[in-house]
Amino acid sequence: LVQVTAFADDPTQATPLPMKIGREVNLNIFTADWMLGE
């Protein structure tokens, strides 16, 4: 399971930012050996 999160640069470092795999960050998944389940 791969989870990516991001937080804005503020004093609390607690403001979440969009960080979706496939948009803000991408991974070159090797689909011949791995399959993403629902």
PDB file of all heavy atoms in Angstrom:
ATOM      1  N   LEU A   1       0.859  -1.181   0.000  1.00  0.00           N
ATOM      2  CA  LEU A   1       0.000   0.000   0.000  1.00  0.00           C
ATOM      3  C   LEU A   1       0.896   1.231   0.000  1.00  0.00           C
ATOM      4  O   LEU A   1       1.785   1.356   0.846  1.00  0.00           O
ATOM      5  CB  LEU A   1      -0.903   0.005   1.234  1.00  0.00           C
ATOM      6  CG  LEU A   1      -1.873   1.180   1.362  1.00  0.00           C
ATOM      7  CD1 LEU A   1      -2.916   1.149   0.251  1.00  0.00           C
ATOM      8  CD2 LEU A   1      -2.545   1.174   2.732  1.00  0.00           C
ATOM      9  N   VAL A   2       0.683   2.119  -0.966  1.00  0.00           N
ATOM     10  CA  VAL A   2       1.476   3.342  -1.080  1.00  0.00           C
ATOM     11  C   VAL A   2       0.555   4.532  -0.845  1.00  0.00           C
ATOM     12  O   VAL A   2      -0.464   4.686  -1.528  1.00  0.00           O
ATOM     13  CB  VAL A   2       2.140   3.460  -2.463  1.00  0.00           C
ATOM     14  CG1 VAL A   2       3.007   4.719  -2.537  1.00  0.00           C
ATOM     15  CG2 VAL A   2       2.978   2.215  -2.764  1.00  0.00           C
ATOM     16  N   GLN A   3       0.900   5.358   0.121  1.00  0.00           N
ATOM     17  CA  GLN A   3       0.111   6.540   0.441  1.00  0.00           C
ATOM     18  C   GLN A   3       1.006   7.776   0.423  1.00  0.00           C
ATOM     19  O   GLN A   3       2.095   7.763   1.008  1.00  0.00           O
ATOM     20  CB  GLN A   3      -0.553   6.389   1.811  1.00  0.00           C
ATOM     21  CG  GLN A   3      -1.559   5.244   1.880  1.00  0.00           C
ATOM     22  CD  GLN A   3      -2.151   5.057   3.265  1.00  0.00           C
ATOM     23  OE1 GLN A   3      -1.435   5.031   4.247  1.00  0.00           O
ATOM     24  NE2 GLN A   3      -3.466   4.926   3.335  1.00  0.00           N
ATOM     25  N   VAL A   4       0.553   8.813  -0.253  1.00  0.00           N
ATOM     26  CA  VAL A   4       1.319  10.056  -0.366  1.00  0.00           C
ATOM     27  C   VAL A   4       0.478  11.194   0.198  1.00  0.00           C
ATOM     28  O   VAL A   4      -0.691  11.355  -0.157  1.00  0.00           O
ATOM     29  CB  VAL A   4       1.691  10.350  -1.829  1.00  0.00           C
ATOM     30  CG1 VAL A   4       2.610  11.571  -1.903  1.00  0.00           C
ATOM     31  CG2 VAL A   4       2.375   9.142  -2.462  1.00  0.00           C
ATOM     32  N   THR A   5       1.071  11.968   1.081  1.00  0.00           N
ATOM     33  CA  THR A   5       0.389  13.128   1.656  1.00  0.00           C
ATOM     34  C   THR A   5       1.313  14.337   1.585  1.00  0.00           C
ATOM     35  O   THR A   5       2.537  14.200   1.464  1.00  0.00           O
ATOM     36  CB  THR A   5      -0.014  12.885   3.116  1.00  0.00           C
ATOM     37  OG1 THR A   5       1.150  12.495   3.871  1.00  0.00           O
ATOM     38  CG2 THR A   5      -1.068  11.786   3.215  1.00  0.00           C
ATOM     39  N   ALA A   6       0.725  15.521   1.663  1.00  0.00           N
ATOM     40  CA  ALA A   6       1.514  16.759   1.652  1.00  0.00           C
ATOM     41  C   ALA A   6       0.851  17.777   2.567  1.00  0.00           C
ATOM     42  O   ALA A   6      -0.382  17.788   2.722  1.00  0.00           O
ATOM     43  CB  ALA A   6       1.631  17.314   0.239  1.00  0.00           C
ATOM     44  N   PHE A   7       1.679  18.626   3.181  1.00  0.00           N
ATOM     45  CA  PHE A   7       1.182  19.648   4.099  1.00  0.00           C
ATOM     46  C   PHE A   7       1.846  20.976   3.767  1.00  0.00           C
ATOM     47  O   PHE A   7       3.040  21.037   3.466  1.00  0.00           O
ATOM     48  CB  PHE A   7       1.473  19.253   5.545  1.00  0.00           C
ATOM     49  CG  PHE A   7       0.791  17.975   5.964  1.00  0.00           C
ATOM     50  CD1 PHE A   7       1.439  16.756   5.818  1.00  0.00           C
ATOM     51  CD2 PHE A   7      -0.496  17.995   6.463  1.00  0.00           C
ATOM     52  CE1 PHE A   7       0.812  15.575   6.181  1.00  0.00           C
ATOM     53  CE2 PHE A   7      -1.129  16.824   6.830  1.00  0.00           C
ATOM     54  CZ  PHE A   7      -0.477  15.617   6.686  1.00  0.00           C
ATOM     55  N   ALA A   8       1.056  22.042   3.835  1.00  0.00           N
ATOM     56  CA  ALA A   8       1.545  23.368   3.497  1.00  0.00           C
ATOM     57  C   ALA A   8       2.583  23.846   4.504  1.00  0.00           C
ATOM     58  O   ALA A   8       2.643  23.376   5.648  1.00  0.00           O
ATOM     59  CB  ALA A   8       0.371  24.344   3.437  1.00  0.00           C
ATOM     60  N   ASP A   9       3.387  24.788   4.068  1.00  0.00           N
ATOM     61  CA  ASP A   9       4.422  25.359   4.929  1.00  0.00           C
ATOM     62  C   ASP A   9       3.789  26.435   5.810  1.00  0.00           C
ATOM     63  O   ASP A   9       3.749  27.613   5.472  1.00  0.00           O
ATOM     64  CB  ASP A   9       5.534  25.966   4.074  1.00  0.00           C
ATOM     65  CG  ASP A   9       6.636  26.572   4.915  1.00  0.00           C
ATOM     66  OD1 ASP A   9       6.886  26.053   6.020  1.00  0.00           O
ATOM     67  OD2 ASP A   9       7.233  27.575   4.474  1.00  0.00           O
ATOM     68  N   ASP A  10       3.256  25.995   6.956  1.00  0.00           N
ATOM     69  CA  ASP A  10       2.704  26.938   7.918  1.00  0.00           C
ATOM     70  C   ASP A  10       3.248  26.577   9.304  1.00  0.00           C
ATOM     71  O   ASP A  10       3.912  25.549   9.458  1.00  0.00           O
ATOM     72  CB  ASP A  10       1.177  26.934   7.897  1.00  0.00           C
ATOM     73  CG  ASP A  10       0.582  25.567   8.175  1.00  0.00           C
ATOM     74  OD1 ASP A  10       1.152  24.813   8.989  1.00  0.00           O
ATOM     75  OD2 ASP A  10      -0.450  25.230   7.571  1.00  0.00           O
ATOM     76  N   PRO A  11       3.011  27.396  10.319  1.00  0.00           N
ATOM     77  CA  PRO A  11       3.613  27.120  11.641  1.00  0.00           C
ATOM     78  C   PRO A  11       3.265  25.758  12.212  1.00  0.00           C
ATOM     79  O   PRO A  11       4.063  25.163  12.930  1.00  0.00           O
ATOM     80  CB  PRO A  11       3.037  28.251  12.512  1.00  0.00           C
ATOM     81  CG  PRO A  11       2.777  29.362  11.557  1.00  0.00           C
ATOM     82  CD  PRO A  11       2.315  28.697  10.293  1.00  0.00           C
ATOM     83  N   THR A  12       2.094  25.229  11.890  1.00  0.00           N
ATOM     84  CA  THR A  12       1.691  23.940  12.467  1.00  0.00           C
ATOM     85  C   THR A  12       2.010  22.760  11.569  1.00  0.00           C
ATOM     86  O   THR A  12       1.987  21.610  12.011  1.00  0.00           O
ATOM     87  CB  THR A  12       0.178  23.936  12.743  1.00  0.00           C
ATOM     88  OG1 THR A  12      -0.536  24.079  11.495  1.00  0.00           O
ATOM     89  CG2 THR A  12      -0.200  25.080  13.680  1.00  0.00           C
ATOM     90  N   GLN A  13       2.323  23.035  10.302  1.00  0.00           N
ATOM     91  CA  GLN A  13       2.574  21.962   9.328  1.00  0.00           C
ATOM     92  C   GLN A  13       1.405  20.964   9.305  1.00  0.00           C
ATOM     93  O   GLN A  13       1.590  19.762   9.178  1.00  0.00           O
ATOM     94  CB  GLN A  13       3.877  21.229   9.647  1.00  0.00           C
ATOM     95  CG  GLN A  13       5.122  22.040   9.377  1.00  0.00           C
ATOM     96  CD  GLN A  13       5.438  22.156   7.891  1.00  0.00           C
ATOM     97  OE1 GLN A  13       5.643  21.162   7.210  1.00  0.00           O
ATOM     98  NE2 GLN A  13       5.480  23.375   7.389  1.00  0.00           N
ATOM     99  N   ALA A  14       0.179  21.480   9.463  1.00  0.00           N
ATOM    100  CA  ALA A  14      -0.981  20.606   9.581  1.00  0.00           C
ATOM    101  C   ALA A  14      -2.042  20.867   8.514  1.00  0.00           C
ATOM    102  O   ALA A  14      -3.111  20.278   8.557  1.00  0.00           O
ATOM    103  CB  ALA A  14      -1.617  20.758  10.967  1.00  0.00           C
ATOM    104  N   THR A  15      -1.775  21.777   7.574  1.00  0.00           N
ATOM    105  CA  THR A  15      -2.738  22.058   6.518  1.00  0.00           C
ATOM    106  C   THR A  15      -2.507  21.121   5.344  1.00  0.00           C
ATOM    107  O   THR A  15      -1.495  21.228   4.652  1.00  0.00           O
ATOM    108  CB  THR A  15      -2.617  23.522   6.046  1.00  0.00           C
ATOM    109  OG1 THR A  15      -2.776  24.401   7.157  1.00  0.00           O
ATOM    110  CG2 THR A  15      -3.664  23.824   4.988  1.00  0.00           C
ATOM    111  N   PRO A  16      -3.415  20.161   5.093  1.00  0.00           N
ATOM    112  CA  PRO A  16      -3.189  19.199   4.020  1.00  0.00           C
ATOM    113  C   PRO A  16      -3.337  19.833   2.643  1.00  0.00           C
ATOM    114  O   PRO A  16      -4.124  20.760   2.437  1.00  0.00           O
ATOM    115  CB  PRO A  16      -4.266  18.146   4.264  1.00  0.00           C
ATOM    116  CG  PRO A  16      -5.358  18.870   4.979  1.00  0.00           C
ATOM    117  CD  PRO A  16      -4.671  19.905   5.827  1.00  0.00           C
ATOM    118  N   LEU A  17      -2.566  19.310   1.704  1.00  0.00           N
ATOM    119  CA  LEU A  17      -2.628  19.725   0.313  1.00  0.00           C
ATOM    120  C   LEU A  17      -2.968  18.514  -0.544  1.00  0.00           C
ATOM    121  O   LEU A  17      -2.642  17.380  -0.182  1.00  0.00           O
ATOM    122  CB  LEU A  17      -1.281  20.303  -0.143  1.00  0.00           C
ATOM    123  CG  LEU A  17      -0.821  21.601   0.514  1.00  0.00           C
ATOM    124  CD1 LEU A  17       0.615  21.910   0.098  1.00  0.00           C
ATOM    125  CD2 LEU A  17      -1.753  22.756   0.142  1.00  0.00           C
ATOM    126  N   PRO A  18      -3.621  18.718  -1.688  1.00  0.00           N
ATOM    127  CA  PRO A  18      -3.879  17.586  -2.579  1.00  0.00           C
ATOM    128  C   PRO A  18      -2.576  16.908  -2.984  1.00  0.00           C
ATOM    129  O   PRO A  18      -1.613  17.588  -3.367  1.00  0.00           O
ATOM    130  CB  PRO A  18      -4.567  18.240  -3.780  1.00  0.00           C
ATOM    131  CG  PRO A  18      -5.152  19.515  -3.252  1.00  0.00           C
ATOM    132  CD  PRO A  18      -4.185  19.985  -2.204  1.00  0.00           C
ATOM    133  N   MET A  19      -2.517  15.605  -2.872  1.00  0.00           N
ATOM    134  CA  MET A  19      -1.324  14.854  -3.277  1.00  0.00           C
ATOM    135  C   MET A  19      -1.781  13.466  -3.736  1.00  0.00           C
ATOM    136  O   MET A  19      -1.662  12.482  -3.023  1.00  0.00           O
ATOM    137  CB  MET A  19      -0.327  14.759  -2.114  1.00  0.00           C
ATOM    138  CG  MET A  19       1.021  14.128  -2.482  1.00  0.00           C
ATOM    139  SD  MET A  19       1.866  14.906  -3.862  1.00  0.00           S
ATOM    140  CE  MET A  19       2.265  16.529  -3.207  1.00  0.00           C
ATOM    141  N   LYS A  20      -2.368  13.449  -4.912  1.00  0.00           N
ATOM    142  CA  LYS A  20      -2.935  12.224  -5.448  1.00  0.00           C
ATOM    143  C   LYS A  20      -1.962  11.561  -6.407  1.00  0.00           C
ATOM    144  O   LYS A  20      -1.360  12.227  -7.263  1.00  0.00           O
ATOM    145  CB  LYS A  20      -4.250  12.520  -6.173  1.00  0.00           C
ATOM    146  CG  LYS A  20      -4.943  11.290  -6.727  1.00  0.00           C
ATOM    147  CD  LYS A  20      -6.254  11.670  -7.400  1.00  0.00           C
ATOM    148  CE  LYS A  20      -6.943  10.437  -7.962  1.00  0.00           C
ATOM    149  NZ  LYS A  20      -8.223  10.800  -8.632  1.00  0.00           N
ATOM    150  N   ILE A  21      -1.797  10.243  -6.249  1.00  0.00           N
ATOM    151  CA  ILE A  21      -0.976   9.497  -7.194  1.00  0.00           C
ATOM    152  C   ILE A  21      -1.667   9.512  -8.549  1.00  0.00           C
ATOM    153  O   ILE A  21      -2.845   9.176  -8.667  1.00  0.00           O
ATOM    154  CB  ILE A  21      -0.765   8.045  -6.708  1.00  0.00           C
ATOM    155  CG1 ILE A  21       0.024   8.034  -5.391  1.00  0.00           C
ATOM    156  CG2 ILE A  21      -0.039   7.220  -7.756  1.00  0.00           C
ATOM    157  CD1 ILE A  21       0.186   6.669  -4.782  1.00  0.00           C
ATOM    158  N   GLY A  22      -0.934   9.931  -9.553  1.00  0.00           N
ATOM    159  CA  GLY A  22      -1.503  10.076 -10.878  1.00  0.00           C
ATOM    160  C   GLY A  22      -1.734  11.522 -11.266  1.00  0.00           C
ATOM    161  O   GLY A  22      -2.032  11.828 -12.421  1.00  0.00           O
ATOM    162  N   ARG A  23      -1.573  12.433 -10.299  1.00  0.00           N
ATOM    163  CA  ARG A  23      -1.700  13.867 -10.589  1.00  0.00           C
ATOM    164  C   ARG A  23      -0.547  14.650  -9.976  1.00  0.00           C
ATOM    165  O   ARG A  23       0.387  15.024 -10.665  1.00  0.00           O
ATOM    166  CB  ARG A  23      -3.042  14.406 -10.091  1.00  0.00           C
ATOM    167  CG  ARG A  23      -3.199  15.912 -10.338  1.00  0.00           C
ATOM    168  CD  ARG A  23      -4.594  16.420 -10.040  1.00  0.00           C
ATOM    169  NE  ARG A  23      -4.638  17.880 -10.037  1.00  0.00           N
ATOM    170  CZ  ARG A  23      -4.675  18.630 -11.126  1.00  0.00           C
ATOM    171  NH1 ARG A  23      -4.661  18.054 -12.315  1.00  0.00           N
ATOM    172  NH2 ARG A  23      -4.712  19.952 -11.027  1.00  0.00           N
ATOM    173  N   GLU A  24      -0.599  14.899  -8.653  1.00  0.00           N
ATOM    174  CA  GLU A  24       0.487  15.672  -8.018  1.00  0.00           C
ATOM    175  C   GLU A  24       1.787  14.885  -7.963  1.00  0.00           C
ATOM    176  O   GLU A  24       2.872  15.460  -7.898  1.00  0.00           O
ATOM    177  CB  GLU A  24       0.074  16.099  -6.608  1.00  0.00           C
ATOM    178  CG  GLU A  24      -0.936  17.243  -6.558  1.00  0.00           C
ATOM    179  CD  GLU A  24      -2.350  16.771  -6.811  1.00  0.00           C
ATOM    180  OE1 GLU A  24      -2.604  15.542  -6.712  1.00  0.00           O
ATOM    181  OE2 GLU A  24      -3.214  17.617  -7.090  1.00  0.00           O
ATOM    182  N   VAL A  25       1.685  13.569  -7.950  1.00  0.00           N
ATOM    183  CA  VAL A  25       2.879  12.717  -7.971  1.00  0.00           C
ATOM    184  C   VAL A  25       2.537  11.457  -8.764  1.00  0.00           C
ATOM    185  O   VAL A  25       1.395  10.982  -8.737  1.00  0.00           O
ATOM    186  CB  VAL A  25       3.333  12.362  -6.530  1.00  0.00           C
ATOM    187  CG1 VAL A  25       2.279  11.534  -5.807  1.00  0.00           C
ATOM    188  CG2 VAL A  25       4.653  11.632  -6.536  1.00  0.00           C
ATOM    189  N   ASN A  26       3.512  10.943  -9.503  1.00  0.00           N
ATOM    190  CA  ASN A  26       3.305   9.753 -10.317  1.00  0.00           C
ATOM    191  C   ASN A  26       4.360   8.699  -9.986  1.00  0.00           C
ATOM    192  O   ASN A  26       5.506   9.030  -9.648  1.00  0.00           O
ATOM    193  CB  ASN A  26       3.377  10.097 -11.810  1.00  0.00           C
ATOM    194  CG  ASN A  26       2.242  10.984 -12.255  1.00  0.00           C
ATOM    195  OD1 ASN A  26       1.127  10.524 -12.480  1.00  0.00           O
ATOM    196  ND2 ASN A  26       2.519  12.282 -12.379  1.00  0.00           N
ATOM    197  N   LEU A  27       3.972   7.440 -10.097  1.00  0.00           N
ATOM    198  CA  LEU A  27       4.865   6.312  -9.874  1.00  0.00           C
ATOM    199  C   LEU A  27       4.844   5.450 -11.130  1.00  0.00           C
ATOM    200  O   LEU A  27       3.779   5.159 -11.672  1.00  0.00           O
ATOM    201  CB  LEU A  27       4.407   5.478  -8.672  1.00  0.00           C
ATOM    202  CG  LEU A  27       4.127   6.235  -7.375  1.00  0.00           C
ATOM    203  CD1 LEU A  27       3.509   5.300  -6.346  1.00  0.00           C
ATOM    204  CD2 LEU A  27       5.393   6.876  -6.833  1.00  0.00           C
ATOM    205  N   ASN A  28       6.029   5.029 -11.586  1.00  0.00           N
ATOM    206  CA  ASN A  28       6.064   4.193 -12.796  1.00  0.00           C
ATOM    207  C   ASN A  28       5.819   2.729 -12.415  1.00  0.00           C
ATOM    208  O   ASN A  28       6.720   1.907 -12.342  1.00  0.00           O
ATOM    209  CB  ASN A  28       7.397   4.357 -13.533  1.00  0.00           C
ATOM    210  CG  ASN A  28       8.590   3.844 -12.742  1.00  0.00           C
ATOM    211  OD1 ASN A  28       8.597   3.907 -11.521  1.00  0.00           O
ATOM    212  ND2 ASN A  28       9.589   3.320 -13.443  1.00  0.00           N
ATOM    213  N   ILE A  29       4.569   2.390 -12.164  1.00  0.00           N
ATOM    214  CA  ILE A  29       4.200   1.059 -11.692  1.00  0.00           C
ATOM    215  C   ILE A  29       4.480   0.008 -12.763  1.00  0.00           C
ATOM    216  O   ILE A  29       4.131   0.188 -13.938  1.00  0.00           O
ATOM    217  CB  ILE A  29       2.715   1.010 -11.298  1.00  0.00           C
ATOM    218  CG1 ILE A  29       2.409   2.049 -10.210  1.00  0.00           C
ATOM    219  CG2 ILE A  29       2.317  -0.380 -10.842  1.00  0.00           C
ATOM    220  CD1 ILE A  29       3.119   1.815  -8.908  1.00  0.00           C
ATOM    221  N   PHE A  30       5.101  -1.108 -12.359  1.00  0.00           N
ATOM    222  CA  PHE A  30       5.362  -2.223 -13.261  1.00  0.00           C
ATOM    223  C   PHE A  30       4.154  -3.158 -13.231  1.00  0.00           C
ATOM    224  O   PHE A  30       4.065  -4.067 -12.412  1.00  0.00           O
ATOM    225  CB  PHE A  30       6.652  -2.942 -12.856  1.00  0.00           C
ATOM    226  CG  PHE A  30       7.889  -2.143 -13.139  1.00  0.00           C
ATOM    227  CD1 PHE A  30       8.377  -1.238 -12.209  1.00  0.00           C
ATOM    228  CD2 PHE A  30       8.557  -2.267 -14.344  1.00  0.00           C
ATOM    229  CE1 PHE A  30       9.508  -0.483 -12.460  1.00  0.00           C
ATOM    230  CE2 PHE A  30       9.697  -1.518 -14.624  1.00  0.00           C
ATOM    231  CZ  PHE A  30      10.170  -0.621 -13.678  1.00  0.00           C
ATOM    232  N   THR A  31       3.234  -2.928 -14.171  1.00  0.00           N
ATOM    233  CA  THR A  31       1.961  -3.637 -14.160  1.00  0.00           C
ATOM    234  C   THR A  31       2.063  -5.085 -14.632  1.00  0.00           C
ATOM    235  O   THR A  31       1.091  -5.836 -14.497  1.00  0.00           O
ATOM    236  CB  THR A  31       0.941  -2.887 -15.037  1.00  0.00           C
ATOM    237  OG1 THR A  31       1.484  -2.725 -16.366  1.00  0.00           O
ATOM    238  CG2 THR A  31       0.644  -1.509 -14.451  1.00  0.00           C
ATOM    239  N   ALA A  32       3.200  -5.488 -15.185  1.00  0.00           N
ATOM    240  CA  ALA A  32       3.351  -6.887 -15.595  1.00  0.00           C
ATOM    241  C   ALA A  32       3.452  -7.804 -14.378  1.00  0.00           C
ATOM    242  O   ALA A  32       3.117  -8.990 -14.460  1.00  0.00           O
ATOM    243  CB  ALA A  32       4.584  -7.051 -16.481  1.00  0.00           C
ATOM    244  N   ASP A  33       3.916  -7.262 -13.254  1.00  0.00           N
ATOM    245  CA  ASP A  33       4.132  -8.065 -12.049  1.00  0.00           C
ATOM    246  C   ASP A  33       3.217  -7.687 -10.894  1.00  0.00           C
ATOM    247  O   ASP A  33       3.061  -8.472  -9.955  1.00  0.00           O
ATOM    248  CB  ASP A  33       5.591  -7.929 -11.592  1.00  0.00           C
ATOM    249  CG  ASP A  33       6.574  -8.357 -12.660  1.00  0.00           C
ATOM    250  OD1 ASP A  33       6.558  -9.544 -13.031  1.00  0.00           O
ATOM    251  OD2 ASP A  33       7.352  -7.501 -13.123  1.00  0.00           O
ATOM    252  N   TRP A  34       2.625  -6.502 -10.950  1.00  0.00           N
ATOM    253  CA  TRP A  34       1.786  -6.021  -9.860  1.00  0.00           C
ATOM    254  C   TRP A  34       0.450  -5.537 -10.418  1.00  0.00           C
ATOM    255  O   TRP A  34       0.381  -5.003 -11.518  1.00  0.00           O
ATOM    256  CB  TRP A  34       2.461  -4.867  -9.121  1.00  0.00           C
ATOM    257  CG  TRP A  34       3.758  -5.222  -8.471  1.00  0.00           C
ATOM    258  CD1 TRP A  34       4.992  -5.275  -9.062  1.00  0.00           C
ATOM    259  CD2 TRP A  34       3.964  -5.574  -7.102  1.00  0.00           C
ATOM    260  NE1 TRP A  34       5.950  -5.629  -8.147  1.00  0.00           N
ATOM    261  CE2 TRP A  34       5.347  -5.828  -6.932  1.00  0.00           C
ATOM    262  CE3 TRP A  34       3.121  -5.694  -6.003  1.00  0.00           C
ATOM    263  CZ2 TRP A  34       5.899  -6.198  -5.710  1.00  0.00           C
ATOM    264  CZ3 TRP A  34       3.658  -6.053  -4.785  1.00  0.00           C
ATOM    265  CH2 TRP A  34       5.041  -6.301  -4.644  1.00  0.00           C
ATOM    266  N   MET A  35      -0.602  -5.711  -9.643  1.00  0.00           N
ATOM    267  CA  MET A  35      -1.921  -5.230 -10.055  1.00  0.00           C
ATOM    268  C   MET A  35      -2.558  -4.452  -8.912  1.00  0.00           C
ATOM    269  O   MET A  35      -2.531  -4.881  -7.768  1.00  0.00           O
ATOM    270  CB  MET A  35      -2.832  -6.396 -10.462  1.00  0.00           C
ATOM    271  CG  MET A  35      -4.232  -5.963 -10.900  1.00  0.00           C
ATOM    272  SD  MET A  35      -5.251  -7.321 -11.559  1.00  0.00           S
ATOM    273  CE  MET A  35      -4.437  -7.573 -13.150  1.00  0.00           C
ATOM    274  N   LEU A  36      -3.118  -3.304  -9.265  1.00  0.00           N
ATOM    275  CA  LEU A  36      -3.801  -2.463  -8.285  1.00  0.00           C
ATOM    276  C   LEU A  36      -5.213  -2.956  -8.081  1.00  0.00           C
ATOM    277  O   LEU A  36      -6.008  -3.043  -9.023  1.00  0.00           O
ATOM    278  CB  LEU A  36      -3.812  -1.009  -8.758  1.00  0.00           C
ATOM    279  CG  LEU A  36      -4.552   0.001  -7.875  1.00  0.00           C
ATOM    280  CD1 LEU A  36      -3.916   0.098  -6.498  1.00  0.00           C
ATOM    281  CD2 LEU A  36      -4.580   1.373  -8.552  1.00  0.00           C
ATOM    282  N   GLY A  37      -5.550  -3.303  -6.844  1.00  0.00           N
ATOM    283  CA  GLY A  37      -6.905  -3.736  -6.536  1.00  0.00           C
ATOM    284  C   GLY A  37      -7.801  -2.559  -6.210  1.00  0.00           C
ATOM    285  O   GLY A  37      -7.326  -1.449  -5.938  1.00  0.00           O
ATOM    286  N   GLU A  38      -9.095  -2.809  -6.234  1.00  0.00           N
ATOM    287  CA  GLU A  38     -10.053  -1.759  -5.916  1.00  0.00           C
ATOM    288  C   GLU A  38      -9.956  -1.311  -4.467  1.00  0.00           C
ATOM    289  O   GLU A  38     -10.517  -0.270  -4.105  1.00  0.00           O
ATOM    290  CB  GLU A  38     -11.479  -2.249  -6.207  1.00  0.00           C
ATOM    291  CG  GLU A  38     -11.821  -2.359  -7.688  1.00  0.00           C
ATOM    292  CD  GLU A  38     -11.295  -3.630  -8.342  1.00  0.00           C
ATOM    293  OE1 GLU A  38     -10.705  -4.489  -7.622  1.00  0.00           O
ATOM    294  OE2 GLU A  38     -11.470  -3.777  -9.558  1.00  0.00           O
TER     295      GLU A  38
END
